[in-house]
Amino acid sequence: MRTGIIIAAVAIALLAIGGAYMVDIDQTQDGELPEVSVEGGQLPEFDAEVGDVEVTEETVTVPSIEVTPPEADDS
């Protein structure tokens, strides 16, 4: 079973390498971007009704926590 997987992987790798060398692409003409002219236009306008946010300051008492690590065992 393992031998079949190895043989299949080697075959796929050889096909991929061979396929890469079978194709030869050469550029025959340079590309060029088109010239574009943009005039005028208008951005859209929006009216939005949003809720109000009220910010208040509050004092909160936070409990203190004491952590005591276990003592090191010298064994």
PDB file of N, CA and C in Angstrom:
ATOM      1  N   MET A   1       0.834  -1.191   0.000  1.00  0.00           N
ATOM      2  CA  MET A   1       0.000   0.000   0.000  1.00  0.00           C
ATOM      3  C   MET A   1       0.878   1.254   0.000  1.00  0.00           C
ATOM      4  N   ARG A   2       1.862   1.273   0.881  1.00  0.00           N
ATOM      5  CA  ARG A   2       2.744   2.428   0.984  1.00  0.00           C
ATOM      6  C   ARG A   2       3.580   2.582  -0.287  1.00  0.00           C
ATOM      7  N   THR A   3       3.971   1.468  -0.902  1.00  0.00           N
ATOM      8  CA  THR A   3       4.761   1.512  -2.133  1.00  0.00           C
ATOM      9  C   THR A   3       3.945   2.131  -3.264  1.00  0.00           C
ATOM     10  N   GLY A   4       2.668   1.819  -3.338  1.00  0.00           N
ATOM     11  CA  GLY A   4       1.808   2.379  -4.375  1.00  0.00           C
ATOM     12  C   GLY A   4       1.677   3.889  -4.241  1.00  0.00           C
ATOM     13  N   ILE A   5       1.587   4.380  -3.028  1.00  0.00           N
ATOM     14  CA  ILE A   5       1.486   5.827  -2.791  1.00  0.00           C
ATOM     15  C   ILE A   5       2.775   6.520  -3.216  1.00  0.00           C
ATOM     16  N   ILE A   6       3.914   5.901  -2.898  1.00  0.00           N
ATOM     17  CA  ILE A   6       5.200   6.495  -3.265  1.00  0.00           C
ATOM     18  C   ILE A   6       5.348   6.530  -4.785  1.00  0.00           C
ATOM     19  N   ILE A   7       4.963   5.452  -5.458  1.00  0.00           N
ATOM     20  CA  ILE A   7       5.065   5.408  -6.917  1.00  0.00           C
ATOM     21  C   ILE A   7       4.143   6.448  -7.547  1.00  0.00           C
ATOM     22  N   ALA A   8       2.936   6.607  -7.009  1.00  0.00           N
ATOM     23  CA  ALA A   8       2.000   7.601  -7.532  1.00  0.00           C
ATOM     24  C   ALA A   8       2.539   9.013  -7.325  1.00  0.00           C
ATOM     25  N   ALA A   9       3.140   9.287  -6.177  1.00  0.00           N
ATOM     26  CA  ALA A   9       3.697  10.618  -5.901  1.00  0.00           C
ATOM     27  C   ALA A   9       4.855  10.933  -6.844  1.00  0.00           C
ATOM     28  N   VAL A  10       5.714   9.951  -7.095  1.00  0.00           N
ATOM     29  CA  VAL A  10       6.835  10.153  -8.004  1.00  0.00           C
ATOM     30  C   VAL A  10       6.325  10.386  -9.423  1.00  0.00           C
ATOM     31  N   ALA A  11       5.298   9.636  -9.841  1.00  0.00           N
ATOM     32  CA  ALA A  11       4.737   9.806 -11.177  1.00  0.00           C
ATOM     33  C   ALA A  11       4.117  11.187 -11.345  1.00  0.00           C
ATOM     34  N   ILE A  12       3.405  11.648 -10.339  1.00  0.00           N
ATOM     35  CA  ILE A  12       2.800  12.985 -10.402  1.00  0.00           C
ATOM     36  C   ILE A  12       3.877  14.054 -10.461  1.00  0.00           C
ATOM     37  N   ALA A  13       4.945  13.884  -9.680  1.00  0.00           N
ATOM     38  CA  ALA A  13       6.030  14.863  -9.695  1.00  0.00           C
ATOM     39  C   ALA A  13       6.718  14.892 -11.062  1.00  0.00           C
ATOM     40  N   LEU A  14       6.939  13.724 -11.666  1.00  0.00           N
ATOM     41  CA  LEU A  14       7.564  13.685 -12.983  1.00  0.00           C
ATOM     42  C   LEU A  14       6.667  14.309 -14.046  1.00  0.00           C
ATOM     43  N   LEU A  15       5.363  14.074 -13.972  1.00  0.00           N
ATOM     44  CA  LEU A  15       4.444  14.691 -14.922  1.00  0.00           C
ATOM     45  C   LEU A  15       4.428  16.215 -14.770  1.00  0.00           C
ATOM     46  N   ALA A  16       4.471  16.693 -13.537  1.00  0.00           N
ATOM     47  CA  ALA A  16       4.465  18.141 -13.302  1.00  0.00           C
ATOM     48  C   ALA A  16       5.744  18.779 -13.848  1.00  0.00           C
ATOM     49  N   ILE A  17       6.878  18.151 -13.599  1.00  0.00           N
ATOM     50  CA  ILE A  17       8.151  18.688 -14.098  1.00  0.00           C
ATOM     51  C   ILE A  17       8.186  18.644 -15.622  1.00  0.00           C
ATOM     52  N   GLY A  18       7.751  17.538 -16.200  1.00  0.00           N
ATOM     53  CA  GLY A  18       7.722  17.422 -17.650  1.00  0.00           C
ATOM     54  C   GLY A  18       6.769  18.419 -18.279  1.00  0.00           C
ATOM     55  N   GLY A  19       5.615  18.637 -17.667  1.00  0.00           N
ATOM     56  CA  GLY A  19       4.647  19.599 -18.186  1.00  0.00           C
ATOM     57  C   GLY A  19       5.172  21.020 -18.153  1.00  0.00           C
ATOM     58  N   ALA A  20       5.971  21.340 -17.162  1.00  0.00           N
ATOM     59  CA  ALA A  20       6.523  22.688 -17.061  1.00  0.00           C
ATOM     60  C   ALA A  20       7.509  22.965 -18.193  1.00  0.00           C
ATOM     61  N   TYR A  21       8.231  21.947 -18.644  1.00  0.00           N
ATOM     62  CA  TYR A  21       9.206  22.148 -19.715  1.00  0.00           C
ATOM     63  C   TYR A  21       8.602  21.981 -21.112  1.00  0.00           C
ATOM     64  N   MET A  22       7.353  21.520 -21.209  1.00  0.00           N
ATOM     65  CA  MET A  22       6.706  21.345 -22.506  1.00  0.00           C
ATOM     66  C   MET A  22       6.116  22.650 -23.026  1.00  0.00           C
ATOM     67  N   VAL A  23       5.931  23.642 -22.163  1.00  0.00           N
ATOM     68  CA  VAL A  23       5.313  24.911 -22.549  1.00  0.00           C
ATOM     69  C   VAL A  23       6.388  25.990 -22.568  1.00  0.00           C
ATOM     70  N   ASP A  24       6.470  26.739 -23.674  1.00  0.00           N
ATOM     71  CA  ASP A  24       7.427  27.832 -23.799  1.00  0.00           C
ATOM     72  C   ASP A  24       6.668  29.066 -24.264  1.00  0.00           C
ATOM     73  N   ILE A  25       6.575  30.052 -23.405  1.00  0.00           N
ATOM     74  CA  ILE A  25       5.825  31.263 -23.719  1.00  0.00           C
ATOM     75  C   ILE A  25       6.800  32.426 -23.845  1.00  0.00           C
ATOM     76  N   ASP A  26       6.747  33.134 -24.990  1.00  0.00           N
ATOM     77  CA  ASP A  26       7.589  34.301 -25.217  1.00  0.00           C
ATOM     78  C   ASP A  26       6.693  35.508 -25.482  1.00  0.00           C
ATOM     79  N   GLN A  27       6.986  36.629 -24.852  1.00  0.00           N
ATOM     80  CA  GLN A  27       6.219  37.851 -25.074  1.00  0.00           C
ATOM     81  C   GLN A  27       6.641  38.464 -26.403  1.00  0.00           C
ATOM     82  N   THR A  28       5.663  38.725 -27.278  1.00  0.00           N
ATOM     83  CA  THR A  28       5.978  39.257 -28.603  1.00  0.00           C
ATOM     84  C   THR A  28       5.627  40.731 -28.742  1.00  0.00           C
ATOM     85  N   GLN A  29       4.853  41.274 -27.802  1.00  0.00           N
ATOM     86  CA  GLN A  29       4.488  42.691 -27.875  1.00  0.00           C
ATOM     87  C   GLN A  29       4.253  43.199 -26.460  1.00  0.00           C
ATOM     88  N   ASP A  30       4.698  44.445 -26.188  1.00  0.00           N
ATOM     89  CA  ASP A  30       4.485  45.033 -24.880  1.00  0.00           C
ATOM     90  C   ASP A  30       3.030  45.444 -24.716  1.00  0.00           C
ATOM     91  N   GLY A  31       2.537  45.346 -23.483  1.00  0.00           N
ATOM     92  CA  GLY A  31       1.182  45.784 -23.184  1.00  0.00           C
ATOM     93  C   GLY A  31       1.165  47.267 -22.884  1.00  0.00           C
ATOM     94  N   GLU A  32      -0.021  47.868 -22.961  1.00  0.00           N
ATOM     95  CA  GLU A  32      -0.153  49.295 -22.713  1.00  0.00           C
ATOM     96  C   GLU A  32      -1.517  49.558 -22.082  1.00  0.00           C
ATOM     97  N   LEU A  33      -1.539  50.406 -21.076  1.00  0.00           N
ATOM     98  CA  LEU A  33      -2.805  50.765 -20.439  1.00  0.00           C
ATOM     99  C   LEU A  33      -3.574  51.740 -21.317  1.00  0.00           C
ATOM    100  N   PRO A  34      -4.893  51.656 -21.308  1.00  0.00           N
ATOM    101  CA  PRO A  34      -5.676  52.599 -22.112  1.00  0.00           C
ATOM    102  C   PRO A  34      -5.669  53.984 -21.468  1.00  0.00           C
ATOM    103  N   GLU A  35      -5.858  55.022 -22.282  1.00  0.00           N
ATOM    104  CA  GLU A  35      -5.960  56.373 -21.754  1.00  0.00           C
ATOM    105  C   GLU A  35      -7.411  56.621 -21.369  1.00  0.00           C
ATOM    106  N   VAL A  36      -7.603  57.105 -20.164  1.00  0.00           N
ATOM    107  CA  VAL A  36      -8.944  57.310 -19.637  1.00  0.00           C
ATOM    108  C   VAL A  36      -9.083  58.766 -19.234  1.00  0.00           C
ATOM    109  N   SER A  37     -10.192  59.382 -19.606  1.00  0.00           N
ATOM    110  CA  SER A  37     -10.453  60.763 -19.227  1.00  0.00           C
ATOM    111  C   SER A  37     -11.737  60.797 -18.409  1.00  0.00           C
ATOM    112  N   VAL A  38     -11.663  61.383 -17.221  1.00  0.00           N
ATOM    113  CA  VAL A  38     -12.821  61.459 -16.345  1.00  0.00           C
ATOM    114  C   VAL A  38     -13.108  62.926 -16.081  1.00  0.00           C
ATOM    115  N   GLU A  39     -14.333  63.333 -16.364  1.00  0.00           N
ATOM    116  CA  GLU A  39     -14.724  64.722 -16.134  1.00  0.00           C
ATOM    117  C   GLU A  39     -16.046  64.753 -15.383  1.00  0.00           C
ATOM    118  N   GLY A  40     -16.191  65.780 -14.552  1.00  0.00           N
ATOM    119  CA  GLY A  40     -17.456  65.975 -13.850  1.00  0.00           C
ATOM    120  C   GLY A  40     -17.735  64.873 -12.855  1.00  0.00           C
ATOM    121  N   GLY A  41     -19.010  64.606 -12.666  1.00  0.00           N
ATOM    122  CA  GLY A  41     -19.422  63.585 -11.715  1.00  0.00           C
ATOM    123  C   GLY A  41     -19.850  64.212 -10.401  1.00  0.00           C
ATOM    124  N   GLN A  42     -20.424  63.406  -9.554  1.00  0.00           N
ATOM    125  CA  GLN A  42     -20.895  63.897  -8.267  1.00  0.00           C
ATOM    126  C   GLN A  42     -20.947  62.736  -7.291  1.00  0.00           C
ATOM    127  N   LEU A  43     -20.490  63.013  -6.080  1.00  0.00           N
ATOM    128  CA  LEU A  43     -20.575  62.008  -5.041  1.00  0.00           C
ATOM    129  C   LEU A  43     -22.014  61.933  -4.536  1.00  0.00           C
ATOM    130  N   PRO A  44     -22.466  60.770  -4.111  1.00  0.00           N
ATOM    131  CA  PRO A  44     -23.828  60.654  -3.587  1.00  0.00           C
ATOM    132  C   PRO A  44     -23.943  61.338  -2.227  1.00  0.00           C
ATOM    133  N   GLU A  45     -25.150  61.803  -1.912  1.00  0.00           N
ATOM    134  CA  GLU A  45     -25.422  62.400  -0.606  1.00  0.00           C
ATOM    135  C   GLU A  45     -26.345  61.477   0.162  1.00  0.00           C
ATOM    136  N   PHE A  46     -26.177  61.455   1.486  1.00  0.00           N
ATOM    137  CA  PHE A  46     -26.989  60.596   2.333  1.00  0.00           C
ATOM    138  C   PHE A  46     -27.501  61.386   3.525  1.00  0.00           C
ATOM    139  N   ASP A  47     -28.724  61.121   3.923  1.00  0.00           N
ATOM    140  CA  ASP A  47     -29.273  61.605   5.177  1.00  0.00           C
ATOM    141  C   ASP A  47     -29.441  60.388   6.073  1.00  0.00           C
ATOM    142  N   ALA A  48     -28.885  60.459   7.271  1.00  0.00           N
ATOM    143  CA  ALA A  48     -28.963  59.317   8.180  1.00  0.00           C
ATOM    144  C   ALA A  48     -29.445  59.792   9.537  1.00  0.00           C
ATOM    145  N   GLU A  49     -30.396  59.071  10.084  1.00  0.00           N
ATOM    146  CA  GLU A  49     -30.869  59.350  11.437  1.00  0.00           C
ATOM    147  C   GLU A  49     -30.308  58.253  12.330  1.00  0.00           C
ATOM    148  N   VAL A  50     -29.511  58.660  13.285  1.00  0.00           N
ATOM    149  CA  VAL A  50     -28.878  57.682  14.165  1.00  0.00           C
ATOM    150  C   VAL A  50     -29.295  57.964  15.595  1.00  0.00           C
ATOM    151  N   GLY A  51     -29.153  56.977  16.435  1.00  0.00           N
ATOM    152  CA  GLY A  51     -29.520  57.121  17.839  1.00  0.00           C
ATOM    153  C   GLY A  51     -28.532  57.975  18.598  1.00  0.00           C
ATOM    154  N   ASP A  52     -28.975  58.487  19.738  1.00  0.00           N
ATOM    155  CA  ASP A  52     -28.107  59.288  20.596  1.00  0.00           C
ATOM    156  C   ASP A  52     -27.388  58.380  21.585  1.00  0.00           C
ATOM    157  N   VAL A  53     -26.163  58.752  21.898  1.00  0.00           N
ATOM    158  CA  VAL A  53     -25.377  58.015  22.875  1.00  0.00           C
ATOM    159  C   VAL A  53     -25.089  58.947  24.028  1.00  0.00           C
ATOM    160  N   GLU A  54     -25.407  58.497  25.240  1.00  0.00           N
ATOM    161  CA  GLU A  54     -25.166  59.294  26.431  1.00  0.00           C
ATOM    162  C   GLU A  54     -24.060  58.620  27.233  1.00  0.00           C
ATOM    163  N   VAL A  55     -23.027  59.374  27.572  1.00  0.00           N
ATOM    164  CA  VAL A  55     -21.893  58.825  28.305  1.00  0.00           C
ATOM    165  C   VAL A  55     -21.928  59.385  29.714  1.00  0.00           C
ATOM    166  N   THR A  56     -21.857  58.482  30.696  1.00  0.00           N
ATOM    167  CA  THR A  56     -21.822  58.897  32.100  1.00  0.00           C
ATOM    168  C   THR A  56     -20.619  58.247  32.765  1.00  0.00           C
ATOM    169  N   GLU A  57     -20.125  58.889  33.814  1.00  0.00           N
ATOM    170  CA  GLU A  57     -19.014  58.330  34.569  1.00  0.00           C
ATOM    171  C   GLU A  57     -19.552  57.674  35.828  1.00  0.00           C
ATOM    172  N   GLU A  58     -19.099  56.464  36.089  1.00  0.00           N
ATOM    173  CA  GLU A  58     -19.511  55.729  37.276  1.00  0.00           C
ATOM    174  C   GLU A  58     -18.261  55.229  37.992  1.00  0.00           C
ATOM    175  N   THR A  59     -18.305  55.160  39.307  1.00  0.00           N
ATOM    176  CA  THR A  59     -17.220  54.604  40.093  1.00  0.00           C
ATOM    177  C   THR A  59     -17.632  53.203  40.527  1.00  0.00           C
ATOM    178  N   VAL A  60     -16.781  52.243  40.227  1.00  0.00           N
ATOM    179  CA  VAL A  60     -17.079  50.853  40.542  1.00  0.00           C
ATOM    180  C   VAL A  60     -15.994  50.331  41.468  1.00  0.00           C
ATOM    181  N   THR A  61     -16.398  49.679  42.544  1.00  0.00           N
ATOM    182  CA  THR A  61     -15.451  49.079  43.475  1.00  0.00           C
ATOM    183  C   THR A  61     -15.138  47.670  42.987  1.00  0.00           C
ATOM    184  N   VAL A  62     -13.856  47.421  42.790  1.00  0.00           N
ATOM    185  CA  VAL A  62     -13.422  46.123  42.295  1.00  0.00           C
ATOM    186  C   VAL A  62     -12.806  45.351  43.446  1.00  0.00           C
ATOM    187  N   PRO A  63     -13.202  44.096  43.628  1.00  0.00           N
ATOM    188  CA  PRO A  63     -12.625  43.328  44.737  1.00  0.00           C
ATOM    189  C   PRO A  63     -11.152  43.024  44.466  1.00  0.00           C
ATOM    190  N   SER A  64     -10.372  42.963  45.552  1.00  0.00           N
ATOM    191  CA  SER A  64      -8.955  42.630  45.393  1.00  0.00           C
ATOM    192  C   SER A  64      -8.788  41.117  45.547  1.00  0.00           C
ATOM    193  N   ILE A  65      -7.825  40.575  44.822  1.00  0.00           N
ATOM    194  CA  ILE A  65      -7.583  39.137  44.854  1.00  0.00           C
ATOM    195  C   ILE A  65      -6.146  38.911  45.279  1.00  0.00           C
ATOM    196  N   GLU A  66      -5.959  37.991  46.188  1.00  0.00           N
ATOM    197  CA  GLU A  66      -4.613  37.662  46.644  1.00  0.00           C
ATOM    198  C   GLU A  66      -4.285  36.251  46.170  1.00  0.00           C
ATOM    199  N   VAL A  67      -3.186  36.120  45.436  1.00  0.00           N
ATOM    200  CA  VAL A  67      -2.771  34.821  44.917  1.00  0.00           C
ATOM    201  C   VAL A  67      -1.495  34.405  45.611  1.00  0.00           C
ATOM    202  N   THR A  68      -1.513  33.217  46.182  1.00  0.00           N
ATOM    203  CA  THR A  68      -0.321  32.675  46.848  1.00  0.00           C
ATOM    204  C   THR A  68       0.133  31.458  46.060  1.00  0.00           C
ATOM    205  N   PRO A  69       1.296  31.555  45.378  1.00  0.00           N
ATOM    206  CA  PRO A  69       1.761  30.397  44.601  1.00  0.00           C
ATOM    207  C   PRO A  69       2.208  29.286  45.530  1.00  0.00           C
ATOM    208  N   PRO A  70       2.122  28.036  45.093  1.00  0.00           N
ATOM    209  CA  PRO A  70       2.574  26.938  45.950  1.00  0.00           C
ATOM    210  C   PRO A  70       4.072  27.005  46.135  1.00  0.00           C
ATOM    211  N   GLU A  71       4.500  26.512  47.286  1.00  0.00           N
ATOM    212  CA  GLU A  71       5.939  26.523  47.577  1.00  0.00           C
ATOM    213  C   GLU A  71       6.649  25.506  46.688  1.00  0.00           C
ATOM    214  N   ALA A  72       7.872  25.837  46.297  1.00  0.00           N
ATOM    215  CA  ALA A  72       8.656  24.952  45.429  1.00  0.00           C
ATOM    216  C   ALA A  72       9.056  23.711  46.200  1.00  0.00           C
ATOM    217  N   ASP A  73       8.932  22.575  45.542  1.00  0.00           N
ATOM    218  CA  ASP A  73       9.314  21.309  46.149  1.00  0.00           C
ATOM    219  C   ASP A  73      10.743  21.003  45.744  1.00  0.00           C
ATOM    220  N   ASP A  74      11.668  20.849  46.696  1.00  0.00           N
ATOM    221  CA  ASP A  74      13.083  20.639  46.400  1.00  0.00           C
ATOM    222  C   ASP A  74      13.424  19.156  46.193  1.00  0.00           C
ATOM    223  N   SER A  75      12.475  18.341  45.854  1.00  0.00           N
ATOM    224  CA  SER A  75      12.733  16.900  45.706  1.00  0.00           C
ATOM    225  C   SER A  75      13.507  16.610  44.467  1.00  0.00           C
TER     226      SER A  75
END
